[in-house]
Amino acid sequence: MKGVIVHGALLGVMLVYGYRTWTKEEATKPVGGEVVMWTRGEADLTKIEFQTENRLVRIERRGTGAAAYWWGSESKTIKKPKPVDPTPPAPPPPAPGAGSGSAAAPGAGSGSAAVPPPADPATPPAPEFIDETTTTEFPIGPEGEKLVKQFARMRAIKAVGVPGEDAKKDYGLADAQTSIAVVFADGAKTLVVGGRVFGGGDRYLQDLDTGKAFVVLGSLVATLEGGEPSLRPTDLRAFDPKAATAVEVSAKDKSKRVQKIKVKAPAPDADDPHAPPPNADELIETWGQGATADTVVANFLDKLEKLRPTSYDAKLDVASLELVVAATYKDGKGAQLGTIKLYRRTTPAPADATPPTPPADPSKPATPPTPPADPTKPADPTKPADPAAPATPDQPPAAKPADKVEYFLWTERTRVPGLLTTMAAERVEQDVPTLFGQ
């Protein structure tokens, strides 16, 4: 009986040890697979380039040390018809020795130059095309940062060895036009991107250095294929919004501070028959002071946080812009988490710009044009002025050309000002006086 108890105890210890070992292996299982392609530190990685026939998506490290960050760009090349020169081509020079008015006969003496036959006007010339490349830049969001970590410590689901010509066709590697370059400080790894695994979304890659092919997670390629929409951040705040417990909004010499509070949910609209019944105990988070919600600030912050730039210019100096409003977020200990700043740039219209022509008033009949005076006849001083002709002093002055106004958004995540759509930014600016009760 004693031996049974001892063996039972040993079996229990082995089961516990085996369970802990199994769960530890699951917790430390490499992301992306168990086949090691290479293992490098993220600090060694300088650039990732996804290249197709007409696209280049790049993630590159900028800055140094603790201030280093990842920045993205996407270049697209398209073929456009070459602009046609409106100037007609000059006629060919006359043949040497040809007399005036005489035409060079075909088969003339050896000293005469052959005149090319005229082009057939019925056959249009073949169109010419030129390559036009456009490049956009953007900050890298969490998805892109995760991708960088995966490529620094590259793992595959499966290794398939060095494929033959038939296998390369099956893997979509034979005529592949897509590649991924993973650039480290001391060299680069180039991977040819093949097709998808049959019945799944994972992809074949071939290492050009070794010739070996691998099956990797489809998301490694799909995120790069998505370009800017997949790599840029969806939330421009560089902090967890849940950690923010207070925010200070400032514009010029005005400022306002609110805290994150919980209040009872507002009653649903009585006119909405589909509205759920009210819950007297339901609380919602909002911005306010004490126990009173400040709906003006809450709505303003909601608009400000939803602004999304359409493009970024890394060369634009934020010091050259005018600050419209700034929101500074803080945590429960009063430490600053991050900011959102709305800027404006006004470019005066050129002095020689043509003012816009005002539209005609449809309620007034059109005035017939006055025929020009005959310069051979002197003006008749006794003839009264034309009553239909408007007097010069009554004519409204020409409108001045409008200045160009642009809006930009800056956060710690964007790092550079991002250009905004004018309409959305103007709505935020128009709410600033209401925010401070002006």
Protein backbone atom coordinates (compact mmCIF):
# COMPACT_ATOMS: atom_id res chain seq x y z
CA MET A 1 0.00 0.00 0.00
CA LYS A 2 2.86 2.32 0.85
CA GLY A 3 4.48 1.64 -2.53
CA VAL A 4 1.25 2.51 -4.35
CA ILE A 5 1.07 5.83 -2.49
CA VAL A 6 4.70 6.66 -3.35
CA HIS A 7 4.21 5.81 -7.01
CA GLY A 8 1.01 7.86 -7.09
CA ALA A 9 2.82 10.85 -5.60
CA LEU A 10 5.64 10.54 -8.14
CA LEU A 11 3.10 10.33 -10.96
CA GLY A 12 1.41 13.50 -9.72
CA VAL A 13 4.75 15.35 -9.61
CA MET A 14 5.54 14.22 -13.15
CA LEU A 15 2.15 15.36 -14.41
CA VAL A 16 2.57 18.81 -12.82
CA TYR A 17 6.10 19.13 -14.21
CA GLY A 18 4.99 18.01 -17.65
CA TYR A 19 2.08 20.48 -17.65
CA ARG A 20 4.33 23.37 -16.64
CA THR A 21 6.87 22.43 -19.31
CA TRP A 22 4.15 22.22 -21.97
CA THR A 23 2.61 25.57 -21.06
CA LYS A 24 6.05 27.22 -20.96
CA GLU A 25 6.80 25.96 -24.46
CA GLU A 26 3.49 27.33 -25.67
CA ALA A 27 4.17 30.72 -24.08
CA THR A 28 7.64 30.99 -25.65
CA LYS A 29 6.65 29.61 -29.05
CA PRO A 30 8.22 31.89 -31.69
CA VAL A 31 5.87 34.18 -33.58
CA GLY A 32 5.63 33.18 -37.23
CA GLY A 33 6.80 29.58 -36.91
CA GLU A 34 9.58 27.45 -35.46
CA VAL A 35 12.00 27.34 -38.44
CA VAL A 36 14.77 29.89 -37.81
CA MET A 37 15.77 31.89 -40.89
CA TRP A 38 17.88 34.41 -38.96
CA THR A 39 17.97 36.10 -35.57
CA ARG A 40 19.13 39.70 -35.30
CA GLY A 41 18.44 42.57 -32.93
CA GLU A 42 15.93 45.22 -33.94
CA ALA A 43 18.66 47.85 -33.49
CA ASP A 44 20.65 46.14 -36.29
CA LEU A 45 17.79 46.53 -38.77
CA THR A 46 17.91 49.73 -40.82
CA LYS A 47 15.42 49.23 -43.66
CA ILE A 48 12.77 46.93 -45.17
CA GLU A 49 11.88 47.35 -48.85
CA PHE A 50 8.98 45.68 -50.64
CA GLN A 51 9.55 45.94 -54.40
CA THR A 52 7.16 45.13 -57.27
CA GLU A 53 7.27 46.07 -60.94
CA ASN A 54 5.78 49.52 -60.30
CA ARG A 55 5.75 49.97 -56.49
CA LEU A 56 8.30 50.43 -53.74
CA VAL A 57 7.16 50.33 -50.10
CA ARG A 58 9.91 51.23 -47.64
CA ILE A 59 10.16 51.17 -43.84
CA GLU A 60 13.36 52.85 -42.65
CA ARG A 61 14.92 53.82 -39.35
CA ARG A 62 15.39 57.53 -38.73
CA GLY A 63 17.13 59.24 -35.86
CA THR A 64 19.69 57.67 -33.55
CA GLY A 65 19.75 56.10 -30.10
CA ALA A 66 16.69 56.54 -27.93
CA ALA A 67 15.28 59.10 -30.41
CA ALA A 68 15.24 56.58 -33.30
CA TYR A 69 11.89 55.82 -34.92
CA TRP A 70 10.44 54.08 -38.00
CA TRP A 71 9.22 56.05 -41.00
CA GLY A 72 7.43 54.87 -44.14
CA SER A 73 7.25 55.83 -47.80
CA GLU A 74 5.50 54.45 -50.87
CA SER A 75 6.51 55.18 -54.47
CA LYS A 76 4.25 54.35 -57.42
CA THR A 77 5.31 54.49 -61.05
CA ILE A 78 2.79 54.79 -63.87
CA LYS A 79 3.20 55.24 -67.62
CA LYS A 80 1.77 58.43 -69.07
CA PRO A 81 1.56 59.60 -72.68
CA LYS A 82 4.47 61.84 -73.57
CA PRO A 83 3.37 65.46 -74.11
CA VAL A 84 3.13 66.30 -77.80
CA ASP A 85 5.19 69.26 -79.00
CA PRO A 86 2.70 71.67 -80.65
CA THR A 87 5.47 73.13 -82.82
CA PRO A 88 5.42 71.42 -86.24
CA PRO A 89 8.71 69.84 -87.26
CA ALA A 90 10.94 71.89 -89.56
CA PRO A 91 11.01 70.79 -93.21
CA PRO A 92 14.09 68.85 -94.27
CA PRO A 93 16.83 70.91 -95.88
CA PRO A 94 17.07 70.80 -99.69
CA ALA A 95 19.40 68.30 -101.25
CA PRO A 96 22.90 69.60 -101.95
CA GLY A 97 23.27 71.00 -105.46
CA ALA A 98 19.53 71.20 -106.09
CA GLY A 99 18.55 74.28 -108.01
CA SER A 100 15.71 76.55 -107.03
CA GLY A 101 12.38 75.16 -108.09
CA SER A 102 13.90 71.90 -109.26
CA ALA A 103 13.27 68.58 -107.54
CA ALA A 104 15.95 66.00 -107.05
CA ALA A 105 15.14 63.08 -109.25
CA PRO A 106 15.39 59.64 -107.78
CA GLY A 107 18.48 57.83 -108.89
CA ALA A 108 20.40 61.07 -109.47
CA GLY A 109 24.18 61.10 -109.67
CA SER A 110 26.32 59.70 -106.90
CA GLY A 111 26.95 63.17 -105.52
CA SER A 112 23.28 63.87 -104.78
CA ALA A 113 21.62 63.00 -101.44
CA ALA A 114 18.52 60.82 -101.41
CA VAL A 115 15.38 62.60 -100.19
CA PRO A 116 13.30 60.43 -97.83
CA PRO A 117 9.75 59.80 -98.96
CA PRO A 118 7.11 61.87 -97.17
CA ALA A 119 5.33 60.29 -94.20
CA ASP A 120 1.96 58.79 -94.85
CA PRO A 121 -0.56 61.25 -93.32
CA ALA A 122 -3.08 58.45 -92.94
CA THR A 123 -0.82 56.55 -90.50
CA PRO A 124 -0.61 58.29 -87.10
CA PRO A 125 2.72 58.04 -85.30
CA ALA A 126 3.00 55.48 -82.51
CA PRO A 127 2.32 57.07 -79.09
CA GLU A 128 5.27 57.55 -76.78
CA PHE A 129 5.08 57.00 -73.01
CA ILE A 130 7.11 58.25 -70.08
CA ASP A 131 7.36 56.97 -66.50
CA GLU A 132 5.96 59.22 -63.77
CA THR A 133 6.76 58.37 -60.13
CA THR A 134 4.93 59.80 -57.13
CA THR A 135 6.09 59.27 -53.54
CA THR A 136 4.14 59.66 -50.31
CA GLU A 137 5.56 59.57 -46.77
CA PHE A 138 3.84 58.55 -43.55
CA PRO A 139 4.54 57.57 -39.93
CA ILE A 140 4.63 53.88 -39.00
CA GLY A 141 1.92 52.59 -36.68
CA PRO A 142 1.78 49.57 -34.35
CA GLU A 143 1.28 47.10 -37.23
CA GLY A 144 4.42 48.32 -38.93
CA GLU A 145 6.41 48.25 -35.69
CA LYS A 146 5.29 44.66 -35.11
CA LEU A 147 6.39 43.78 -38.64
CA VAL A 148 9.86 45.21 -38.00
CA LYS A 149 10.29 42.95 -34.96
CA GLN A 150 9.24 39.91 -37.01
CA PHE A 151 11.70 40.62 -39.82
CA ALA A 152 14.53 41.21 -37.36
CA ARG A 153 13.91 37.76 -35.88
CA MET A 154 12.72 35.98 -39.01
CA ARG A 155 10.85 32.70 -38.57
CA ALA A 156 9.16 30.39 -41.07
CA ILE A 157 6.36 27.86 -40.68
CA LYS A 158 8.11 25.33 -42.87
CA ALA A 159 11.35 24.91 -44.86
CA VAL A 160 11.00 23.23 -48.28
CA GLY A 161 14.67 23.19 -49.30
CA VAL A 162 16.15 24.31 -52.62
CA PRO A 163 13.33 23.94 -55.17
CA GLY A 164 13.86 22.64 -58.69
CA GLU A 165 12.47 24.34 -61.78
CA ASP A 166 9.15 22.48 -61.59
CA ALA A 167 8.79 23.18 -57.87
CA LYS A 168 9.59 26.87 -58.43
CA LYS A 169 6.69 27.03 -60.87
CA ASP A 170 4.41 25.33 -58.35
CA TYR A 171 5.51 27.80 -55.63
CA GLY A 172 5.06 30.84 -57.88
CA LEU A 173 8.79 31.62 -57.70
CA ALA A 174 9.79 31.00 -61.33
CA ASP A 175 8.68 34.34 -62.79
CA ALA A 176 8.16 36.29 -59.56
CA GLN A 177 8.45 40.08 -59.88
CA THR A 178 8.12 40.84 -56.16
CA SER A 179 10.92 40.87 -53.60
CA ILE A 180 11.59 41.90 -50.00
CA ALA A 181 14.97 43.34 -49.00
CA VAL A 182 15.74 43.23 -45.26
CA VAL A 183 18.71 45.57 -44.78
CA PHE A 184 20.95 45.34 -41.70
CA ALA A 185 23.87 47.55 -40.79
CA ASP A 186 26.33 44.93 -42.09
CA GLY A 187 24.44 43.61 -45.11
CA ALA A 188 21.08 42.66 -46.56
CA LYS A 189 18.84 39.65 -47.06
CA THR A 190 16.83 39.45 -50.28
CA LEU A 191 13.70 37.31 -50.42
CA VAL A 192 11.75 36.54 -53.58
CA VAL A 193 8.00 36.49 -52.92
CA GLY A 194 6.13 33.58 -54.45
CA GLY A 195 2.51 32.49 -54.47
CA ARG A 196 0.14 31.38 -51.75
CA VAL A 197 0.10 27.94 -50.24
CA PHE A 198 -2.68 25.85 -51.76
CA GLY A 199 -5.82 26.18 -49.66
CA GLY A 200 -4.41 28.89 -47.36
CA GLY A 201 -3.07 32.41 -47.12
CA ASP A 202 0.55 31.68 -46.18
CA ARG A 203 3.25 32.54 -48.73
CA TYR A 204 6.35 31.03 -50.30
CA LEU A 205 9.61 32.98 -49.98
CA GLN A 206 13.02 32.11 -51.42
CA ASP A 207 16.27 33.32 -49.88
CA LEU A 208 18.52 34.36 -52.76
CA ASP A 209 21.69 33.82 -50.68
CA THR A 210 21.02 30.15 -49.99
CA GLY A 211 18.45 29.33 -52.67
CA LYS A 212 16.24 27.74 -50.01
CA ALA A 213 12.48 28.26 -50.03
CA PHE A 214 10.25 28.68 -46.99
CA VAL A 215 6.58 28.96 -46.10
CA VAL A 216 5.94 32.06 -43.96
CA LEU A 217 2.91 33.71 -42.41
CA GLY A 218 0.79 35.42 -45.05
CA SER A 219 0.50 38.52 -42.85
CA LEU A 220 4.24 39.22 -43.26
CA VAL A 221 3.70 39.83 -46.96
CA ALA A 222 0.12 41.13 -46.84
CA THR A 223 0.99 44.03 -44.55
CA LEU A 224 3.74 45.18 -46.91
CA GLU A 225 1.50 44.65 -49.94
CA GLY A 226 -1.11 46.90 -48.32
CA GLY A 227 1.38 49.78 -48.31
CA GLU A 228 0.49 53.00 -46.55
CA PRO A 229 -3.07 52.06 -45.46
CA SER A 230 -1.73 48.95 -43.68
CA LEU A 231 1.37 50.53 -42.12
CA ARG A 232 0.29 53.99 -40.98
CA PRO A 233 -1.34 54.39 -37.52
CA THR A 234 -5.11 54.50 -37.17
CA ASP A 235 -4.82 56.42 -33.89
CA LEU A 236 -2.38 59.32 -34.03
CA ARG A 237 -2.02 59.52 -30.26
CA ALA A 238 1.28 58.01 -29.12
CA PHE A 239 -0.20 56.86 -25.80
CA ASP A 240 -2.97 54.64 -24.51
CA PRO A 241 -6.15 56.79 -24.44
CA LYS A 242 -7.37 54.82 -21.41
CA ALA A 243 -4.41 56.13 -19.39
CA ALA A 244 -5.45 59.76 -19.88
CA THR A 245 -7.39 61.10 -16.89
CA ALA A 246 -7.08 64.84 -17.58
CA VAL A 247 -6.64 67.10 -20.59
CA GLU A 248 -5.83 70.79 -20.95
CA VAL A 249 -6.99 72.60 -24.09
CA SER A 250 -5.23 75.89 -24.92
CA ALA A 251 -5.46 78.47 -27.69
CA LYS A 252 -3.39 81.67 -27.58
CA ASP A 253 -3.96 83.12 -24.09
CA LYS A 254 -6.95 80.92 -23.22
CA SER A 255 -6.89 77.49 -21.57
CA LYS A 256 -9.34 75.03 -20.05
CA ARG A 257 -8.74 71.88 -18.03
CA VAL A 258 -11.14 68.95 -17.60
CA GLN A 259 -10.95 65.49 -16.03
CA LYS A 260 -12.28 62.13 -17.07
CA ILE A 261 -15.44 61.48 -15.07
CA LYS A 262 -18.35 59.04 -15.05
CA VAL A 263 -21.90 60.29 -15.34
CA LYS A 264 -25.29 58.75 -15.92
CA ALA A 265 -26.05 57.91 -19.51
CA PRO A 266 -28.37 60.46 -21.16
CA ALA A 267 -31.95 59.39 -21.78
CA PRO A 268 -32.55 58.06 -25.30
CA ASP A 269 -34.42 60.12 -27.83
CA ALA A 270 -38.15 59.78 -27.14
CA ASP A 271 -38.88 60.05 -30.86
CA ASP A 272 -36.78 56.99 -31.67
CA PRO A 273 -38.99 53.87 -31.39
CA HIS A 274 -35.93 51.59 -31.68
CA ALA A 275 -34.07 53.17 -28.77
CA PRO A 276 -33.35 50.71 -25.90
CA PRO A 277 -35.05 51.36 -22.58
CA PRO A 278 -33.07 53.63 -20.22
CA ASN A 279 -30.85 52.06 -17.57
CA ALA A 280 -30.83 54.18 -14.43
CA ASP A 281 -27.58 52.58 -13.18
CA GLU A 282 -25.60 52.88 -16.42
CA LEU A 283 -22.56 55.18 -16.26
CA ILE A 284 -20.49 56.47 -19.17
CA GLU A 285 -17.04 58.07 -19.30
CA THR A 286 -16.76 61.64 -20.51
CA TRP A 287 -14.86 64.86 -19.85
CA GLY A 288 -15.98 67.36 -17.24
CA GLN A 289 -15.30 68.94 -13.88
CA GLY A 290 -16.35 67.42 -10.60
CA ALA A 291 -19.56 65.51 -11.31
CA THR A 292 -20.68 67.74 -14.20
CA ALA A 293 -20.03 66.71 -17.78
CA ASP A 294 -18.69 69.37 -20.15
CA THR A 295 -20.30 68.38 -23.45
CA VAL A 296 -18.70 71.32 -25.29
CA VAL A 297 -15.16 70.12 -24.46
CA ALA A 298 -16.09 66.46 -25.04
CA ASN A 299 -17.49 67.18 -28.51
CA PHE A 300 -14.53 69.40 -29.36
CA LEU A 301 -11.98 66.74 -28.37
CA ASP A 302 -13.91 64.14 -30.33
CA LYS A 303 -13.61 66.28 -33.49
CA LEU A 304 -9.93 67.03 -32.85
CA GLU A 305 -9.03 63.36 -32.28
CA LYS A 306 -10.78 62.30 -35.50
CA LEU A 307 -8.72 64.57 -37.76
CA ARG A 308 -6.59 62.53 -40.16
CA PRO A 309 -3.85 64.00 -42.39
CA THR A 310 -3.91 63.26 -46.11
CA SER A 311 -0.14 63.63 -46.58
CA TYR A 312 3.06 64.33 -44.65
CA ASP A 313 6.04 66.55 -45.44
CA ALA A 314 9.11 65.61 -43.43
CA LYS A 315 10.86 68.84 -44.54
CA LEU A 316 8.15 71.18 -43.21
CA ASP A 317 9.30 73.03 -40.09
CA VAL A 318 6.57 73.26 -37.46
CA ALA A 319 8.04 76.58 -36.29
CA SER A 320 6.88 78.16 -39.56
CA LEU A 321 3.22 77.43 -38.73
CA GLU A 322 0.69 79.26 -36.55
CA LEU A 323 -0.72 77.29 -33.61
CA VAL A 324 -4.54 77.23 -33.58
CA VAL A 325 -5.24 74.95 -30.60
CA ALA A 326 -3.45 72.30 -28.56
CA ALA A 327 -4.72 69.50 -26.31
CA THR A 328 -2.31 68.13 -23.68
CA TYR A 329 -3.20 64.78 -22.08
CA LYS A 330 -2.04 63.73 -18.59
CA ASP A 331 -2.30 60.61 -16.45
CA GLY A 332 -3.56 60.22 -12.89
CA LYS A 333 -0.21 61.37 -11.44
CA GLY A 334 -0.13 64.54 -13.53
CA ALA A 335 2.56 63.29 -15.91
CA GLN A 336 2.21 64.40 -19.52
CA LEU A 337 1.28 61.58 -21.91
CA GLY A 338 1.12 63.40 -25.23
CA THR A 339 -0.36 66.26 -27.24
CA ILE A 340 -2.45 66.96 -30.32
CA LYS A 341 -1.76 70.29 -32.02
CA LEU A 342 -3.68 71.95 -34.85
CA TYR A 343 -1.67 74.41 -36.95
CA ARG A 344 -2.51 76.84 -39.74
CA ARG A 345 -0.46 78.34 -42.56
CA THR A 346 -1.64 81.35 -44.53
CA THR A 347 -0.01 82.13 -47.86
CA PRO A 348 -0.90 85.61 -49.21
CA ALA A 349 -2.24 85.73 -52.73
CA PRO A 350 0.22 87.14 -55.32
CA ALA A 351 -0.13 90.88 -55.88
CA ASP A 352 -0.60 90.38 -59.62
CA ALA A 353 -3.22 87.63 -59.24
CA THR A 354 -6.39 88.13 -61.30
CA PRO A 355 -9.41 88.63 -59.03
CA PRO A 356 -12.27 86.20 -59.54
CA THR A 357 -15.07 87.37 -61.84
CA PRO A 358 -18.34 87.73 -59.90
CA PRO A 359 -21.25 85.72 -61.34
CA ALA A 360 -23.88 87.56 -63.34
CA ASP A 361 -27.10 88.54 -61.56
CA PRO A 362 -29.90 86.59 -63.28
CA SER A 363 -32.54 89.04 -61.98
CA LYS A 364 -31.08 91.94 -64.02
CA PRO A 365 -31.28 92.13 -67.81
CA ALA A 366 -28.00 91.98 -69.66
CA THR A 367 -26.72 95.38 -70.85
CA PRO A 368 -25.95 95.41 -74.57
CA PRO A 369 -22.34 96.22 -75.32
CA THR A 370 -21.62 99.83 -76.27
CA PRO A 371 -20.26 100.11 -79.83
CA PRO A 372 -16.78 101.59 -80.00
CA ALA A 373 -16.54 105.30 -80.86
CA ASP A 374 -15.48 106.33 -84.34
CA PRO A 375 -12.02 107.84 -83.95
CA THR A 376 -12.51 109.92 -87.15
CA LYS A 377 -15.44 111.85 -85.66
CA PRO A 378 -15.12 114.26 -82.71
CA ALA A 379 -17.27 113.67 -79.65
CA ASP A 380 -20.55 115.58 -79.57
CA PRO A 381 -20.59 117.61 -76.32
CA THR A 382 -24.34 118.30 -76.71
CA LYS A 383 -25.26 114.61 -76.77
CA PRO A 384 -26.43 113.40 -73.34
CA ALA A 385 -24.71 110.46 -71.74
CA ASP A 386 -26.18 107.04 -72.27
CA PRO A 387 -28.50 106.42 -69.29
CA ALA A 388 -28.05 102.65 -69.70
CA ALA A 389 -24.32 102.90 -69.13
CA PRO A 390 -23.54 102.62 -65.41
CA ALA A 391 -21.52 105.37 -63.83
CA THR A 392 -18.00 104.44 -62.95
CA PRO A 393 -18.24 105.37 -59.21
CA ASP A 394 -21.22 103.01 -58.77
CA GLN A 395 -19.30 99.95 -59.96
CA PRO A 396 -18.26 97.65 -57.10
CA PRO A 397 -14.52 97.35 -56.59
CA ALA A 398 -12.86 94.18 -57.85
CA ALA A 399 -12.66 91.48 -55.19
CA LYS A 400 -9.21 90.81 -53.80
CA PRO A 401 -7.89 87.30 -54.49
CA ALA A 402 -8.26 85.08 -51.43
CA ASP A 403 -5.20 83.99 -49.45
CA LYS A 404 -4.38 80.30 -49.36
CA VAL A 405 -5.08 78.73 -45.95
CA GLU A 406 -3.78 75.26 -45.05
CA TYR A 407 -4.17 73.24 -41.84
CA PHE A 408 -1.79 70.70 -40.30
CA LEU A 409 -1.92 68.23 -37.41
CA TRP A 410 1.03 67.29 -35.21
CA THR A 411 1.39 64.62 -32.52
CA GLU A 412 4.29 62.73 -31.02
CA ARG A 413 3.44 59.84 -33.34
CA THR A 414 3.30 61.84 -36.59
CA ARG A 415 6.57 63.66 -35.66
CA VAL A 416 6.02 66.03 -38.59
CA PRO A 417 2.98 68.17 -39.51
CA GLY A 418 0.39 66.30 -41.55
CA LEU A 419 -1.73 68.17 -44.10
CA LEU A 420 -5.47 68.13 -43.31
CA THR A 421 -8.55 68.63 -45.45
CA THR A 422 -9.56 72.27 -45.11
CA MET A 423 -13.24 71.64 -44.39
CA ALA A 424 -12.69 69.29 -41.43
CA ALA A 425 -10.00 71.51 -39.88
CA GLU A 426 -12.08 74.68 -40.29
CA ARG A 427 -14.92 73.09 -38.31
CA VAL A 428 -12.56 72.51 -35.41
CA GLU A 429 -11.16 76.05 -35.60
CA GLN A 430 -14.66 77.54 -35.69
CA ASP A 431 -15.49 75.79 -32.41
CA VAL A 432 -12.53 77.32 -30.52
CA PRO A 433 -14.37 80.53 -29.45
CA THR A 434 -17.32 78.44 -28.20
CA LEU A 435 -14.93 76.22 -26.27
CA PHE A 436 -13.80 79.16 -24.14
CA GLY A 437 -17.22 80.82 -23.94
CA GLN A 438 -16.45 83.71 -26.27
